[in-house]
Amino acid sequence: MVTKTQIIDLAQYILPEDLLRYFVLEKVEENGNELHFYLAEINVLPDEYLGEDMESKGFHAEQTIKDFPLRGKPLYLHVRRRRWLHKPTGTVVSRDWNLVAKGTHYTEGFATFLKEFIGYLPHSGPLA
């Protein structure tokens, strides 16, 4: 029998290496015909704030992104991004991520693939 830990270990080979540098895969679920990967940003400050008086303030609201299907099943990445309080100024800061292709709910790689392979994104119709 395959354990959840083994499934998570295997899923890490599927996700982009850059993503796993800053996020930990917490959970993998199969819901009907869909796959759901849950990722949380690790608690490591952005380089520009190293040495600053910072305090972790948890996560932003979860963002769901559609990625390449696996074995014919839609794959959704549920991403929780960290936020920190910069104590001297009282401002909340986060890393600037471009996880989603502009104007879509797809990862950049998946959106590029769809545009090149079929000429358009499913929600927007053919490109002129």
Protein backbone atom coordinates (compact mmCIF):
# COMPACT_ATOMS: atom_id res chain seq x y z
CA MET A 1 0.00 0.00 0.00
CA VAL A 2 1.25 3.47 -0.92
CA THR A 3 1.32 5.99 1.94
CA LYS A 4 0.46 9.69 1.71
CA THR A 5 4.10 10.49 2.47
CA GLN A 6 5.20 8.43 -0.54
CA ILE A 7 2.65 10.21 -2.76
CA ILE A 8 3.94 13.61 -1.60
CA ASP A 9 7.53 12.47 -2.21
CA LEU A 10 6.61 11.38 -5.75
CA ALA A 11 4.67 14.59 -6.47
CA GLN A 12 7.78 16.62 -5.71
CA TYR A 13 9.38 15.14 -8.84
CA ILE A 14 6.49 16.50 -10.90
CA LEU A 15 6.54 20.08 -9.61
CA PRO A 16 9.02 22.66 -10.95
CA GLU A 17 12.28 22.72 -9.00
CA ASP A 18 12.10 26.51 -8.52
CA LEU A 19 8.69 26.15 -6.90
CA LEU A 20 10.03 23.64 -4.39
CA ARG A 21 12.90 25.95 -3.47
CA TYR A 22 10.42 28.27 -1.75
CA PHE A 23 7.37 26.08 -1.09
CA VAL A 24 6.74 22.82 0.73
CA LEU A 25 4.20 20.36 -0.60
CA GLU A 26 1.94 19.71 2.39
CA LYS A 27 -0.78 17.52 0.96
CA VAL A 28 -1.93 15.75 -2.20
CA GLU A 29 -5.60 14.87 -2.71
CA GLU A 30 -7.57 13.15 -5.41
CA ASN A 31 -11.10 14.51 -5.56
CA GLY A 32 -13.15 12.63 -8.13
CA ASN A 33 -11.38 13.21 -11.44
CA GLU A 34 -9.19 16.06 -10.12
CA LEU A 35 -5.80 16.22 -8.41
CA HIS A 36 -5.10 18.87 -5.79
CA PHE A 37 -1.60 19.78 -4.55
CA TYR A 38 -1.40 22.01 -1.46
CA LEU A 39 1.73 24.15 -1.13
CA ALA A 40 2.85 26.57 1.56
CA GLU A 41 5.69 29.07 1.28
CA ILE A 42 8.55 28.30 3.66
CA ASN A 43 9.30 30.82 6.40
CA VAL A 44 12.46 32.31 4.91
CA LEU A 45 12.63 36.07 4.50
CA PRO A 46 13.12 37.60 1.07
CA ASP A 47 16.78 38.59 0.56
CA GLU A 48 16.02 42.31 0.66
CA TYR A 49 14.76 41.98 4.26
CA LEU A 50 17.52 39.82 5.73
CA GLY A 51 18.85 41.43 8.92
CA GLU A 52 15.72 43.59 9.28
CA ASP A 53 13.42 43.44 12.34
CA MET A 54 10.70 41.22 10.87
CA GLU A 55 7.90 39.07 12.31
CA SER A 56 6.07 36.26 10.51
CA LYS A 57 2.37 37.05 10.15
CA GLY A 58 1.12 33.81 8.65
CA PHE A 59 -0.26 33.52 5.14
CA HIS A 60 -2.27 35.42 2.56
CA ALA A 61 -5.52 33.83 1.39
CA GLU A 62 -4.96 30.63 -0.56
CA GLN A 63 -4.67 31.02 -4.33
CA THR A 64 -5.75 28.18 -6.65
CA ILE A 65 -3.92 27.78 -9.95
CA LYS A 66 -4.65 25.30 -12.73
CA ASP A 67 -1.54 23.45 -13.95
CA PHE A 68 -0.72 20.75 -16.54
CA PRO A 69 -3.07 17.76 -16.24
CA LEU A 70 -1.58 14.53 -14.90
CA ARG A 71 -2.75 11.23 -16.39
CA GLY A 72 -5.71 13.06 -17.92
CA LYS A 73 -6.79 14.55 -14.60
CA PRO A 74 -6.91 18.31 -14.03
CA LEU A 75 -4.25 19.45 -11.55
CA TYR A 76 -4.90 22.34 -9.19
CA LEU A 77 -2.16 23.94 -7.11
CA HIS A 78 -3.43 25.47 -3.88
CA VAL A 79 -0.77 27.98 -2.89
CA ARG A 80 -0.41 29.80 0.43
CA ARG A 81 2.03 32.71 0.30
CA ARG A 82 3.72 34.03 3.45
CA ARG A 83 3.62 37.54 4.78
CA TRP A 84 5.87 39.28 7.28
CA LEU A 85 5.54 42.43 9.34
CA HIS A 86 8.40 44.92 8.93
CA LYS A 87 8.39 46.17 12.53
CA PRO A 88 10.20 49.51 11.99
CA THR A 89 7.62 50.69 9.41
CA GLY A 90 4.58 48.59 10.35
CA THR A 91 4.16 47.43 6.74
CA VAL A 92 3.36 43.89 5.69
CA VAL A 93 5.68 42.46 3.04
CA SER A 94 5.70 39.35 0.87
CA ARG A 95 7.75 37.93 -1.97
CA ASP A 96 6.66 39.10 -5.40
CA TRP A 97 5.50 35.92 -7.16
CA ASN A 98 4.36 35.61 -10.76
CA LEU A 99 2.79 32.19 -10.35
CA VAL A 100 -0.16 32.83 -12.66
CA ALA A 101 -0.04 33.89 -16.30
CA LYS A 102 -1.47 37.39 -16.72
CA GLY A 103 -5.23 37.35 -17.28
CA THR A 104 -5.63 33.63 -16.50
CA HIS A 105 -5.90 31.14 -13.66
CA TYR A 106 -3.18 28.94 -15.21
CA THR A 107 0.47 28.57 -14.35
CA GLU A 108 2.72 30.47 -16.76
CA GLY A 109 4.03 27.23 -18.28
CA PHE A 110 0.57 25.74 -18.83
CA ALA A 111 -0.78 28.96 -20.36
CA THR A 112 2.19 29.14 -22.76
CA PHE A 113 1.66 25.50 -23.74
CA LEU A 114 -2.06 26.04 -24.43
CA LYS A 115 -1.42 29.16 -26.51
CA GLU A 116 1.23 27.39 -28.60
CA PHE A 117 -0.50 24.02 -28.91
CA ILE A 118 -4.13 25.01 -29.52
CA GLY A 119 -3.73 28.72 -30.26
CA TYR A 120 -5.81 30.01 -27.38
CA LEU A 121 -6.71 29.65 -23.73
CA PRO A 122 -9.95 27.69 -23.12
CA HIS A 123 -11.69 30.57 -21.32
CA SER A 124 -10.77 33.27 -23.86
CA GLY A 125 -11.42 31.75 -27.29
CA PRO A 126 -9.11 31.65 -30.32
CA LEU A 127 -6.34 34.21 -30.62
CA ALA A 128 -6.70 36.58 -33.57
